[in-house]
PDB file of N, CA and C in Angstrom:
ATOM      1  N   UNK A   1     -10.074 -52.363  -9.644  1.00  0.00           N
ATOM      2  CA  UNK A   1     -11.168 -53.155  -9.126  1.00  0.00           C
ATOM      3  C   UNK A   1     -10.696 -54.597  -8.983  1.00  0.00           C
ATOM      4  N   UNK A   2     -11.024 -55.176  -7.871  1.00  0.00           N
ATOM      5  CA  UNK A   2     -10.675 -56.567  -7.606  1.00  0.00           C
ATOM      6  C   UNK A   2     -11.876 -57.445  -7.950  1.00  0.00           C
ATOM      7  N   UNK A   3     -11.640 -58.521  -8.703  1.00  0.00           N
ATOM      8  CA  UNK A   3     -12.696 -59.471  -9.065  1.00  0.00           C
ATOM      9  C   UNK A   3     -12.528 -60.740  -8.244  1.00  0.00           C
ATOM     10  N   UNK A   4     -13.606 -61.177  -7.611  1.00  0.00           N
ATOM     11  CA  UNK A   4     -13.587 -62.418  -6.836  1.00  0.00           C
ATOM     12  C   UNK A   4     -14.756 -63.272  -7.299  1.00  0.00           C
ATOM     13  N   UNK A   5     -14.455 -64.512  -7.701  1.00  0.00           N
ATOM     14  CA  UNK A   5     -15.486 -65.454  -8.142  1.00  0.00           C
ATOM     15  C   UNK A   5     -15.790 -66.401  -6.984  1.00  0.00           C
ATOM     16  N   UNK A   6     -17.072 -66.562  -6.687  1.00  0.00           N
ATOM     17  CA  UNK A   6     -17.504 -67.415  -5.584  1.00  0.00           C
ATOM     18  C   UNK A   6     -18.479 -68.449  -6.134  1.00  0.00           C
ATOM     19  N   UNK A   7     -18.175 -69.727  -5.937  1.00  0.00           N
ATOM     20  CA  UNK A   7     -19.079 -70.812  -6.316  1.00  0.00           C
ATOM     21  C   UNK A   7     -19.819 -71.251  -5.059  1.00  0.00           C
ATOM     22  N   UNK A   8     -21.146 -71.218  -5.112  1.00  0.00           N
ATOM     23  CA  UNK A   8     -21.954 -71.460  -3.915  1.00  0.00           C
ATOM     24  C   UNK A   8     -22.894 -72.634  -4.143  1.00  0.00           C
ATOM     25  N   UNK A   9     -22.882 -73.582  -3.198  1.00  0.00           N
ATOM     26  CA  UNK A   9     -23.897 -74.634  -3.217  1.00  0.00           C
ATOM     27  C   UNK A   9     -24.658 -74.677  -1.891  1.00  0.00           C
ATOM     28  N   UNK A  10     -24.116 -74.021  -0.864  1.00  0.00           N
ATOM     29  CA  UNK A  10     -24.776 -73.945   0.438  1.00  0.00           C
ATOM     30  C   UNK A  10     -24.510 -72.557   1.014  1.00  0.00           C
ATOM     31  N   UNK A  11     -25.553 -71.786   1.241  1.00  0.00           N
ATOM     32  CA  UNK A  11     -25.405 -70.383   1.634  1.00  0.00           C
ATOM     33  C   UNK A  11     -24.723 -70.226   2.993  1.00  0.00           C
ATOM     34  N   UNK A  12     -25.139 -70.991   3.978  1.00  0.00           N
ATOM     35  CA  UNK A  12     -24.571 -70.810   5.319  1.00  0.00           C
ATOM     36  C   UNK A  12     -23.084 -71.162   5.344  1.00  0.00           C
ATOM     37  N   UNK A  13     -22.702 -72.219   4.645  1.00  0.00           N
ATOM     38  CA  UNK A  13     -21.292 -72.604   4.587  1.00  0.00           C
ATOM     39  C   UNK A  13     -20.482 -71.567   3.813  1.00  0.00           C
ATOM     40  N   UNK A  14     -21.050 -71.052   2.734  1.00  0.00           N
ATOM     41  CA  UNK A  14     -20.360 -70.029   1.941  1.00  0.00           C
ATOM     42  C   UNK A  14     -20.132 -68.772   2.771  1.00  0.00           C
ATOM     43  N   UNK A  15     -21.137 -68.345   3.507  1.00  0.00           N
ATOM     44  CA  UNK A  15     -20.982 -67.149   4.341  1.00  0.00           C
ATOM     45  C   UNK A  15     -19.931 -67.352   5.421  1.00  0.00           C
ATOM     46  N   UNK A  16     -19.870 -68.556   5.963  1.00  0.00           N
ATOM     47  CA  UNK A  16     -18.874 -68.871   6.983  1.00  0.00           C
ATOM     48  C   UNK A  16     -17.465 -68.758   6.396  1.00  0.00           C
ATOM     49  N   UNK A  17     -17.264 -69.247   5.172  1.00  0.00           N
ATOM     50  CA  UNK A  17     -15.945 -69.180   4.542  1.00  0.00           C
ATOM     51  C   UNK A  17     -15.614 -67.784   4.024  1.00  0.00           C
ATOM     52  N   UNK A  18     -16.621 -67.034   3.611  1.00  0.00           N
ATOM     53  CA  UNK A  18     -16.384 -65.700   3.061  1.00  0.00           C
ATOM     54  C   UNK A  18     -16.189 -64.634   4.133  1.00  0.00           C
ATOM     55  N   UNK A  19     -16.625 -64.883   5.342  1.00  0.00           N
ATOM     56  CA  UNK A  19     -16.556 -63.876   6.405  1.00  0.00           C
ATOM     57  C   UNK A  19     -15.153 -63.290   6.569  1.00  0.00           C
ATOM     58  N   UNK A  20     -14.084 -64.095   6.607  1.00  0.00           N
ATOM     59  CA  UNK A  20     -12.744 -63.500   6.748  1.00  0.00           C
ATOM     60  C   UNK A  20     -12.314 -62.678   5.525  1.00  0.00           C
ATOM     61  N   UNK A  21     -12.903 -62.929   4.367  1.00  0.00           N
ATOM     62  CA  UNK A  21     -12.525 -62.219   3.144  1.00  0.00           C
ATOM     63  C   UNK A  21     -13.234 -60.877   2.999  1.00  0.00           C
ATOM     64  N   UNK A  22     -14.312 -60.679   3.733  1.00  0.00           N
ATOM     65  CA  UNK A  22     -15.077 -59.444   3.609  1.00  0.00           C
ATOM     66  C   UNK A  22     -14.293 -58.285   4.210  1.00  0.00           C
ATOM     67  N   UNK A  23     -14.202 -57.172   3.476  1.00  0.00           N
ATOM     68  CA  UNK A  23     -13.472 -56.016   4.011  1.00  0.00           C
ATOM     69  C   UNK A  23     -14.252 -55.371   5.154  1.00  0.00           C
ATOM     70  N   UNK A  24     -13.527 -54.887   6.133  1.00  0.00           N
ATOM     71  CA  UNK A  24     -14.184 -54.179   7.236  1.00  0.00           C
ATOM     72  C   UNK A  24     -14.142 -52.686   6.919  1.00  0.00           C
ATOM     73  N   UNK A  25     -15.306 -52.106   6.761  1.00  0.00           N
ATOM     74  CA  UNK A  25     -15.375 -50.691   6.411  1.00  0.00           C
ATOM     75  C   UNK A  25     -15.146 -50.461   4.929  1.00  0.00           C
ATOM     76  N   UNK A  26     -14.674 -49.293   4.591  1.00  0.00           N
ATOM     77  CA  UNK A  26     -14.469 -48.899   3.190  1.00  0.00           C
ATOM     78  C   UNK A  26     -13.059 -49.286   2.768  1.00  0.00           C
ATOM     79  N   UNK A  27     -12.918 -50.117   1.747  1.00  0.00           N
ATOM     80  CA  UNK A  27     -11.598 -50.510   1.260  1.00  0.00           C
ATOM     81  C   UNK A  27     -11.160 -49.556   0.154  1.00  0.00           C
ATOM     82  N   UNK A  28      -9.865 -49.559  -0.144  1.00  0.00           N
ATOM     83  CA  UNK A  28      -9.315 -48.669  -1.171  1.00  0.00           C
ATOM     84  C   UNK A  28      -9.811 -49.058  -2.558  1.00  0.00           C
ATOM     85  N   UNK A  29      -9.905 -50.349  -2.812  1.00  0.00           N
ATOM     86  CA  UNK A  29     -10.352 -50.833  -4.117  1.00  0.00           C
ATOM     87  C   UNK A  29     -11.758 -51.407  -4.018  1.00  0.00           C
ATOM     88  N   UNK A  30     -12.636 -51.035  -4.946  1.00  0.00           N
ATOM     89  CA  UNK A  30     -13.950 -51.690  -4.966  1.00  0.00           C
ATOM     90  C   UNK A  30     -13.799 -53.146  -5.414  1.00  0.00           C
ATOM     91  N   UNK A  31     -14.728 -53.967  -5.019  1.00  0.00           N
ATOM     92  CA  UNK A  31     -14.672 -55.395  -5.332  1.00  0.00           C
ATOM     93  C   UNK A  31     -15.867 -55.782  -6.179  1.00  0.00           C
ATOM     94  N   UNK A  32     -15.619 -56.548  -7.228  1.00  0.00           N
ATOM     95  CA  UNK A  32     -16.706 -57.123  -8.028  1.00  0.00           C
ATOM     96  C   UNK A  32     -16.812 -58.591  -7.631  1.00  0.00           C
ATOM     97  N   UNK A  33     -17.928 -58.934  -7.001  1.00  0.00           N
ATOM     98  CA  UNK A  33     -18.188 -60.313  -6.596  1.00  0.00           C
ATOM     99  C   UNK A  33     -18.974 -60.991  -7.709  1.00  0.00           C
ATOM    100  N   UNK A  34     -18.448 -62.079  -8.221  1.00  0.00           N
ATOM    101  CA  UNK A  34     -19.140 -62.874  -9.237  1.00  0.00           C
ATOM    102  C   UNK A  34     -19.595 -64.150  -8.538  1.00  0.00           C
ATOM    103  N   UNK A  35     -20.893 -64.257  -8.320  1.00  0.00           N
ATOM    104  CA  UNK A  35     -21.453 -65.379  -7.563  1.00  0.00           C
ATOM    105  C   UNK A  35     -22.077 -66.371  -8.535  1.00  0.00           C
ATOM    106  N   UNK A  36     -21.614 -67.617  -8.466  1.00  0.00           N
ATOM    107  CA  UNK A  36     -22.109 -68.688  -9.333  1.00  0.00           C
ATOM    108  C   UNK A  36     -22.793 -69.720  -8.446  1.00  0.00           C
ATOM    109  N   UNK A  37     -24.052 -69.986  -8.712  1.00  0.00           N
ATOM    110  CA  UNK A  37     -24.796 -70.979  -7.944  1.00  0.00           C
ATOM    111  C   UNK A  37     -24.634 -72.363  -8.548  1.00  0.00           C
ATOM    112  N   UNK A  38     -24.263 -73.321  -7.729  1.00  0.00           N
ATOM    113  CA  UNK A  38     -24.098 -74.710  -8.164  1.00  0.00           C
ATOM    114  C   UNK A  38     -25.179 -75.541  -7.470  1.00  0.00           C
ATOM    115  N   UNK A  39     -26.301 -75.686  -8.129  1.00  0.00           N
ATOM    116  CA  UNK A  39     -27.429 -76.416  -7.538  1.00  0.00           C
ATOM    117  C   UNK A  39     -27.074 -77.890  -7.363  1.00  0.00           C
ATOM    118  N   UNK A  40     -27.574 -78.505  -6.301  1.00  0.00           N
ATOM    119  CA  UNK A  40     -27.342 -79.937  -6.109  1.00  0.00           C
ATOM    120  C   UNK A  40     -27.886 -80.739  -7.293  1.00  0.00           C
ATOM    121  N   UNK A  41     -27.213 -81.817  -7.593  1.00  0.00           N
ATOM    122  CA  UNK A  41     -27.635 -82.656  -8.714  1.00  0.00           C
ATOM    123  C   UNK A  41     -28.926 -83.394  -8.381  1.00  0.00           C
ATOM    124  N   UNK A  42     -29.709 -83.605  -9.405  1.00  0.00           N
ATOM    125  CA  UNK A  42     -30.931 -84.385  -9.268  1.00  0.00           C
ATOM    126  C   UNK A  42     -30.576 -85.825  -9.630  1.00  0.00           C
ATOM    127  N   UNK A  43     -30.942 -86.754  -8.769  1.00  0.00           N
ATOM    128  CA  UNK A  43     -30.598 -88.151  -9.029  1.00  0.00           C
ATOM    129  C   UNK A  43     -31.370 -88.692 -10.228  1.00  0.00           C
ATOM    130  N   UNK A  44     -30.869 -89.742 -10.793  1.00  0.00           N
ATOM    131  CA  UNK A  44     -31.519 -90.368 -11.944  1.00  0.00           C
ATOM    132  C   UNK A  44     -32.927 -90.839 -11.568  1.00  0.00           C
ATOM    133  N   UNK A  45     -33.078 -91.325 -10.344  1.00  0.00           N
ATOM    134  CA  UNK A  45     -34.380 -91.814  -9.886  1.00  0.00           C
ATOM    135  C   UNK A  45     -35.414 -90.685  -9.889  1.00  0.00           C
ATOM    136  N   UNK A  46     -35.038 -89.529  -9.372  1.00  0.00           N
ATOM    137  CA  UNK A  46     -35.959 -88.394  -9.320  1.00  0.00           C
ATOM    138  C   UNK A  46     -36.238 -87.877 -10.721  1.00  0.00           C
ATOM    139  N   UNK A  47     -35.211 -87.868 -11.570  1.00  0.00           N
ATOM    140  CA  UNK A  47     -35.395 -87.315 -12.914  1.00  0.00           C
ATOM    141  C   UNK A  47     -36.382 -88.137 -13.747  1.00  0.00           C
ATOM    142  N   UNK A  48     -36.630 -89.377 -13.353  1.00  0.00           N
ATOM    143  CA  UNK A  48     -37.627 -90.191 -14.065  1.00  0.00           C
ATOM    144  C   UNK A  48     -39.046 -89.679 -13.818  1.00  0.00           C
ATOM    145  N   UNK A  49     -39.271 -89.101 -12.635  1.00  0.00           N
ATOM    146  CA  UNK A  49     -40.626 -88.733 -12.238  1.00  0.00           C
ATOM    147  C   UNK A  49     -40.909 -87.235 -12.297  1.00  0.00           C
ATOM    148  N   UNK A  50     -39.878 -86.415 -12.298  1.00  0.00           N
ATOM    149  CA  UNK A  50     -40.076 -84.962 -12.332  1.00  0.00           C
ATOM    150  C   UNK A  50     -39.868 -84.458 -13.757  1.00  0.00           C
ATOM    151  N   UNK A  51     -40.751 -83.610 -14.202  1.00  0.00           N
ATOM    152  CA  UNK A  51     -40.628 -83.064 -15.552  1.00  0.00           C
ATOM    153  C   UNK A  51     -39.473 -82.062 -15.595  1.00  0.00           C
ATOM    154  N   UNK A  52     -39.040 -81.759 -16.806  1.00  0.00           N
ATOM    155  CA  UNK A  52     -37.959 -80.792 -16.975  1.00  0.00           C
ATOM    156  C   UNK A  52     -38.359 -79.437 -16.399  1.00  0.00           C
ATOM    157  N   UNK A  53     -39.593 -79.026 -16.638  1.00  0.00           N
ATOM    158  CA  UNK A  53     -40.034 -77.718 -16.132  1.00  0.00           C
ATOM    159  C   UNK A  53     -40.085 -77.704 -14.603  1.00  0.00           C
ATOM    160  N   UNK A  54     -40.447 -78.824 -13.977  1.00  0.00           N
ATOM    161  CA  UNK A  54     -40.468 -78.899 -12.517  1.00  0.00           C
ATOM    162  C   UNK A  54     -39.045 -78.808 -11.955  1.00  0.00           C
ATOM    163  N   UNK A  55     -38.100 -79.499 -12.604  1.00  0.00           N
ATOM    164  CA  UNK A  55     -36.701 -79.423 -12.161  1.00  0.00           C
ATOM    165  C   UNK A  55     -36.141 -78.020 -12.362  1.00  0.00           C
ATOM    166  N   UNK A  56     -36.487 -77.397 -13.487  1.00  0.00           N
ATOM    167  CA  UNK A  56     -36.023 -76.043 -13.767  1.00  0.00           C
ATOM    168  C   UNK A  56     -36.605 -75.062 -12.750  1.00  0.00           C
ATOM    169  N   UNK A  57     -37.861 -75.231 -12.409  1.00  0.00           N
ATOM    170  CA  UNK A  57     -38.506 -74.383 -11.407  1.00  0.00           C
ATOM    171  C   UNK A  57     -37.838 -74.559 -10.047  1.00  0.00           C
ATOM    172  N   UNK A  58     -37.526 -75.805  -9.679  1.00  0.00           N
ATOM    173  CA  UNK A  58     -36.847 -76.073  -8.415  1.00  0.00           C
ATOM    174  C   UNK A  58     -35.484 -75.399  -8.395  1.00  0.00           C
ATOM    175  N   UNK A  59     -34.710 -75.496  -9.484  1.00  0.00           N
ATOM    176  CA  UNK A  59     -33.399 -74.853  -9.560  1.00  0.00           C
ATOM    177  C   UNK A  59     -33.518 -73.336  -9.422  1.00  0.00           C
ATOM    178  N   UNK A  60     -34.517 -72.766 -10.053  1.00  0.00           N
ATOM    179  CA  UNK A  60     -34.722 -71.318  -9.990  1.00  0.00           C
ATOM    180  C   UNK A  60     -35.050 -70.883  -8.556  1.00  0.00           C
ATOM    181  N   UNK A  61     -35.934 -71.613  -7.881  1.00  0.00           N
ATOM    182  CA  UNK A  61     -36.278 -71.287  -6.492  1.00  0.00           C
ATOM    183  C   UNK A  61     -35.062 -71.454  -5.580  1.00  0.00           C
ATOM    184  N   UNK A  62     -34.289 -72.509  -5.820  1.00  0.00           N
ATOM    185  CA  UNK A  62     -33.087 -72.761  -5.030  1.00  0.00           C
ATOM    186  C   UNK A  62     -32.097 -71.609  -5.191  1.00  0.00           C
ATOM    187  N   UNK A  63     -31.872 -71.179  -6.434  1.00  0.00           N
ATOM    188  CA  UNK A  63     -30.902 -70.108  -6.668  1.00  0.00           C
ATOM    189  C   UNK A  63     -31.385 -68.780  -6.086  1.00  0.00           C
ATOM    190  N   UNK A  64     -32.679 -68.490  -6.186  1.00  0.00           N
ATOM    191  CA  UNK A  64     -33.208 -67.257  -5.591  1.00  0.00           C
ATOM    192  C   UNK A  64     -32.983 -67.244  -4.078  1.00  0.00           C
ATOM    193  N   UNK A  65     -33.207 -68.386  -3.439  1.00  0.00           N
ATOM    194  CA  UNK A  65     -33.028 -68.487  -1.992  1.00  0.00           C
ATOM    195  C   UNK A  65     -31.557 -68.308  -1.609  1.00  0.00           C
ATOM    196  N   UNK A  66     -30.662 -69.010  -2.308  1.00  0.00           N
ATOM    197  CA  UNK A  66     -29.234 -68.949  -1.981  1.00  0.00           C
ATOM    198  C   UNK A  66     -28.666 -67.564  -2.268  1.00  0.00           C
ATOM    199  N   UNK A  67     -28.963 -67.007  -3.444  1.00  0.00           N
ATOM    200  CA  UNK A  67     -28.451 -65.677  -3.777  1.00  0.00           C
ATOM    201  C   UNK A  67     -29.019 -64.623  -2.835  1.00  0.00           C
ATOM    202  N   UNK A  68     -30.260 -64.798  -2.400  1.00  0.00           N
ATOM    203  CA  UNK A  68     -30.869 -63.868  -1.461  1.00  0.00           C
ATOM    204  C   UNK A  68     -30.154 -63.835  -0.121  1.00  0.00           C
ATOM    205  N   UNK A  69     -29.520 -64.932   0.261  1.00  0.00           N
ATOM    206  CA  UNK A  69     -28.778 -64.985   1.516  1.00  0.00           C
ATOM    207  C   UNK A  69     -27.342 -64.503   1.357  1.00  0.00           C
ATOM    208  N   UNK A  70     -26.714 -64.823   0.233  1.00  0.00           N
ATOM    209  CA  UNK A  70     -25.284 -64.549   0.060  1.00  0.00           C
ATOM    210  C   UNK A  70     -25.012 -63.139  -0.464  1.00  0.00           C
ATOM    211  N   UNK A  71     -25.730 -62.716  -1.476  1.00  0.00           N
ATOM    212  CA  UNK A  71     -25.419 -61.451  -2.154  1.00  0.00           C
ATOM    213  C   UNK A  71     -25.487 -60.235  -1.226  1.00  0.00           C
ATOM    214  N   UNK A  72     -26.507 -60.084  -0.374  1.00  0.00           N
ATOM    215  CA  UNK A  72     -26.527 -58.897   0.495  1.00  0.00           C
ATOM    216  C   UNK A  72     -25.300 -58.791   1.411  1.00  0.00           C
ATOM    217  N   UNK A  73     -24.749 -59.916   1.833  1.00  0.00           N
ATOM    218  CA  UNK A  73     -23.572 -59.891   2.700  1.00  0.00           C
ATOM    219  C   UNK A  73     -22.328 -59.423   1.949  1.00  0.00           C
ATOM    220  N   UNK A  74     -22.313 -59.579   0.626  1.00  0.00           N
ATOM    221  CA  UNK A  74     -21.139 -59.216  -0.167  1.00  0.00           C
ATOM    222  C   UNK A  74     -21.176 -57.782  -0.669  1.00  0.00           C
ATOM    223  N   UNK A  75     -22.322 -57.151  -0.617  1.00  0.00           N
ATOM    224  CA  UNK A  75     -22.456 -55.817  -1.201  1.00  0.00           C
ATOM    225  C   UNK A  75     -22.064 -54.727  -0.212  1.00  0.00           C
ATOM    226  N   UNK A  76     -21.130 -53.895  -0.648  1.00  0.00           N
ATOM    227  CA  UNK A  76     -20.774 -52.686   0.073  1.00  0.00           C
ATOM    228  C   UNK A  76     -20.958 -51.513  -0.869  1.00  0.00           C
ATOM    229  N   UNK A  77     -21.038 -50.333  -0.335  1.00  0.00           N
ATOM    230  CA  UNK A  77     -21.179 -49.147  -1.177  1.00  0.00           C
ATOM    231  C   UNK A  77     -19.953 -49.017  -2.083  1.00  0.00           C
ATOM    232  N   UNK A  78     -20.177 -48.891  -3.379  1.00  0.00           N
ATOM    233  CA  UNK A  78     -19.091 -48.764  -4.344  1.00  0.00           C
ATOM    234  C   UNK A  78     -18.704 -50.062  -5.011  1.00  0.00           C
ATOM    235  N   UNK A  79     -19.226 -51.192  -4.536  1.00  0.00           N
ATOM    236  CA  UNK A  79     -18.933 -52.489  -5.148  1.00  0.00           C
ATOM    237  C   UNK A  79     -19.935 -52.788  -6.248  1.00  0.00           C
ATOM    238  N   UNK A  80     -19.535 -53.661  -7.173  1.00  0.00           N
ATOM    239  CA  UNK A  80     -20.429 -54.119  -8.243  1.00  0.00           C
ATOM    240  C   UNK A  80     -21.024 -55.453  -7.875  1.00  0.00           C
TER     241      UNK A  80
END
């Protein structure tokens, strides 16, 4: 099994860079894609006015959106 770690901060850019790496059809070895979301930093100015729970909620929504776009493109039958 081949392991590939992908750090993502922008889904469309990540898909553009990953497109050449995606196997066409069924490959001999299954691939385990490890996707790590790197949310944009919150500026000090914003952190003064947004509560921790609001920032955490924003990060969670951001990661759900990004993973929802990237993960389906990486999944093939037999991959983890």
